[in-house]
Protein backbone atom coordinates (compact mmCIF):
# COMPACT_ATOMS: atom_id res chain seq x y z
CA MET A 1 -21.94 113.91 -23.26
CA THR A 2 -25.08 112.25 -21.94
CA ILE A 3 -26.18 108.94 -23.44
CA GLN A 4 -29.22 109.23 -25.73
CA VAL A 5 -31.93 106.99 -27.14
CA GLY A 6 -30.38 105.04 -30.02
CA ASP A 7 -26.92 105.00 -28.47
CA THR A 8 -25.11 101.77 -27.59
CA MET A 9 -24.40 101.34 -23.90
CA PRO A 10 -20.72 102.07 -23.30
CA ALA A 11 -18.37 99.27 -22.30
CA GLY A 12 -17.63 99.14 -18.60
CA THR A 13 -17.54 97.00 -15.52
CA LEU A 14 -19.78 97.12 -12.46
CA THR A 15 -19.75 94.93 -9.35
CA HIS A 16 -22.39 92.58 -7.94
CA MET A 17 -22.25 90.56 -4.73
CA THR A 18 -22.56 86.79 -5.07
CA LYS A 19 -22.52 83.99 -2.50
CA ASP A 20 -18.79 83.72 -3.28
CA GLY A 21 -18.11 87.44 -2.77
CA PRO A 22 -17.90 90.47 -5.06
CA LYS A 23 -17.99 89.69 -8.78
CA PRO A 24 -17.33 92.03 -11.69
CA VAL A 25 -20.12 92.28 -14.25
CA THR A 26 -19.24 93.65 -17.66
CA THR A 27 -21.80 95.64 -19.55
CA ASN A 28 -21.45 93.11 -22.35
CA GLU A 29 -22.64 90.38 -19.94
CA LEU A 30 -25.41 92.62 -18.68
CA PHE A 31 -26.83 93.85 -22.00
CA LYS A 32 -25.83 91.55 -24.87
CA GLY A 33 -28.84 89.75 -26.34
CA LYS A 34 -31.14 90.92 -23.53
CA LYS A 35 -33.78 93.49 -22.84
CA VAL A 36 -32.74 95.29 -19.66
CA VAL A 37 -34.18 97.97 -17.42
CA LEU A 38 -31.38 99.80 -15.62
CA PHE A 39 -32.43 102.31 -13.00
CA SER A 40 -30.12 104.51 -10.99
CA VAL A 41 -30.53 106.00 -7.56
CA PRO A 42 -28.43 108.72 -5.90
CA GLY A 43 -27.70 106.47 -2.94
CA ALA A 44 -28.57 103.22 -1.22
CA PHE A 45 -30.71 103.64 1.89
CA THR A 46 -31.51 107.28 1.06
CA PRO A 47 -35.17 108.17 1.75
CA THR A 48 -36.81 108.15 -1.69
CA CYS A 49 -34.53 105.44 -3.03
CA HIS A 50 -35.18 103.10 -0.11
CA ALA A 51 -38.86 103.79 0.48
CA ARG A 52 -40.13 104.16 -3.09
CA HIS A 53 -37.72 103.67 -5.99
CA LEU A 54 -36.23 100.21 -5.33
CA PRO A 55 -39.42 98.76 -3.78
CA GLY A 56 -41.42 99.72 -6.87
CA PHE A 57 -39.21 97.62 -9.12
CA VAL A 58 -39.20 94.71 -6.67
CA SER A 59 -42.99 94.68 -6.35
CA HIS A 60 -43.55 94.92 -10.12
CA ILE A 61 -40.89 92.43 -11.22
CA GLU A 62 -43.43 89.99 -12.71
CA ALA A 63 -45.01 92.79 -14.75
CA PHE A 64 -41.56 93.62 -16.17
CA ARG A 65 -41.00 89.98 -17.04
CA GLY A 66 -44.41 89.94 -18.69
CA LYS A 67 -43.26 92.83 -20.90
CA GLY A 68 -40.23 90.82 -22.05
CA ILE A 69 -37.66 92.33 -19.71
CA ASP A 70 -34.86 89.84 -19.00
CA THR A 71 -33.10 91.81 -16.28
CA VAL A 72 -34.00 94.67 -13.97
CA ALA A 73 -30.88 96.20 -12.44
CA CYS A 74 -30.37 98.89 -9.83
CA LEU A 75 -27.24 101.03 -10.18
CA SER A 76 -25.79 103.25 -7.48
CA VAL A 77 -22.52 104.98 -6.75
CA ASN A 78 -22.00 102.93 -3.61
CA ASP A 79 -19.65 100.06 -2.87
CA VAL A 80 -20.69 96.45 -3.47
CA PHE A 81 -21.02 95.74 0.27
CA VAL A 82 -23.50 98.60 0.73
CA MET A 83 -25.47 97.48 -2.33
CA ASP A 84 -25.58 93.93 -0.97
CA ALA A 85 -26.73 95.09 2.47
CA TRP A 86 -29.37 97.32 0.88
CA GLY A 87 -30.65 94.48 -1.29
CA LYS A 88 -30.98 92.27 1.78
CA ALA A 89 -32.68 95.00 3.82
CA ALA A 90 -35.14 95.60 0.98
CA SER A 91 -35.83 91.85 0.46
CA VAL A 92 -34.76 92.08 -3.17
CA GLY A 93 -33.76 88.43 -3.47
CA ASP A 94 -33.13 87.56 -7.11
CA SER A 95 -35.67 90.02 -8.50
CA VAL A 96 -33.37 93.02 -9.06
CA LEU A 97 -29.65 92.86 -9.82
CA MET A 98 -27.92 95.22 -7.38
CA LEU A 99 -24.97 96.84 -9.15
CA ALA A 100 -22.25 98.93 -7.52
CA ASP A 101 -20.42 101.69 -9.37
CA GLY A 102 -18.21 102.59 -6.42
CA ASN A 103 -16.08 105.20 -8.16
CA ALA A 104 -18.85 106.51 -10.46
CA GLU A 105 -16.80 105.45 -13.48
CA TYR A 106 -19.70 103.93 -15.39
CA THR A 107 -22.12 106.65 -14.34
CA LYS A 108 -19.67 109.20 -15.77
CA LEU A 109 -19.43 107.21 -19.02
CA LEU A 110 -23.20 107.59 -19.29
CA GLY A 111 -22.89 111.33 -18.63
CA LEU A 112 -25.39 110.99 -15.79
CA GLU A 113 -23.27 111.91 -12.78
CA LEU A 114 -24.56 114.26 -10.10
CA ASP A 115 -22.51 116.54 -7.87
CA ALA A 116 -24.05 115.93 -4.45
CA SER A 117 -21.16 117.56 -2.56
CA ALA A 118 -23.54 120.09 -1.04
CA PHE A 119 -25.16 117.18 0.78
CA GLY A 120 -21.87 115.57 1.80
CA MET A 121 -22.29 112.77 -0.74
CA GLY A 122 -19.68 113.67 -3.38
CA THR A 123 -20.20 112.41 -6.90
CA ARG A 124 -23.33 110.30 -7.32
CA GLY A 125 -25.60 109.22 -10.15
CA LYS A 126 -28.67 111.11 -11.25
CA ARG A 127 -32.00 109.39 -10.66
CA PHE A 128 -32.89 107.77 -13.98
CA ALA A 129 -34.21 104.68 -15.70
CA LEU A 130 -33.32 103.39 -19.10
CA VAL A 131 -34.34 100.47 -21.23
CA ALA A 132 -31.80 98.82 -23.50
CA SER A 133 -32.42 96.13 -26.08
CA ASP A 134 -29.27 94.18 -26.96
CA GLY A 135 -27.25 97.09 -25.60
CA VAL A 136 -29.04 99.86 -27.51
CA VAL A 137 -30.96 102.44 -25.49
CA THR A 138 -34.64 102.45 -26.45
CA HIS A 139 -35.95 104.60 -23.57
CA LEU A 140 -34.15 107.12 -21.35
CA LEU A 141 -35.97 108.73 -18.44
CA VAL A 142 -33.83 111.18 -16.44
CA GLU A 143 -35.39 112.94 -13.48
CA ALA A 144 -35.11 116.65 -12.82
CA PRO A 145 -33.19 117.35 -9.59
CA GLY A 146 -35.29 116.36 -6.58
CA ASP A 147 -38.01 114.66 -8.66
CA PHE A 148 -39.22 111.08 -8.58
CA LYS A 149 -41.75 110.63 -11.38
CA ILE A 150 -40.55 109.33 -14.72
CA SER A 151 -37.99 106.81 -13.42
CA SER A 152 -40.49 105.01 -11.20
CA ALA A 153 -41.30 101.37 -11.89
CA GLU A 154 -44.89 102.29 -12.67
CA HIS A 155 -43.90 104.93 -15.23
CA VAL A 156 -41.32 102.67 -16.87
CA LEU A 157 -43.93 99.91 -17.18
CA GLY A 158 -46.25 102.44 -18.80
CA VAL A 159 -43.76 103.29 -21.55
CA LEU A 160 -42.87 99.67 -22.35
């Protein structure tokens, strides 16, 4: 079942690269007591994700902070090394937390997995953005297949 507005984010663990190597990040650490924007892309370095989705959040990070957002995080069904390389290539710095869900376990818990086998990509995450306040979903914006509209940084800012 797909997560809905009003639901609590399910418990899970993602991975983030640190200067000391890969580090697990629990969803409790990510969401508890914070207002978080989590956006998901089908794949690091893929055309729309690399050229438009991630850069939008990076360029608008101060606007998100101005709206009371504590953390902006990018989720993808890629390994932590790919997410780290993508963050560096996109000059993310500390603005966006790059989170790997290598086996799509958390994406499946959200009910937002995507079968991209026809494109040789296997199981991926749908393109979406959500806002959670202290772990409770307040906004959920899931794109139709092939679209990039409602999960953009600009649209998310507009609904905050």
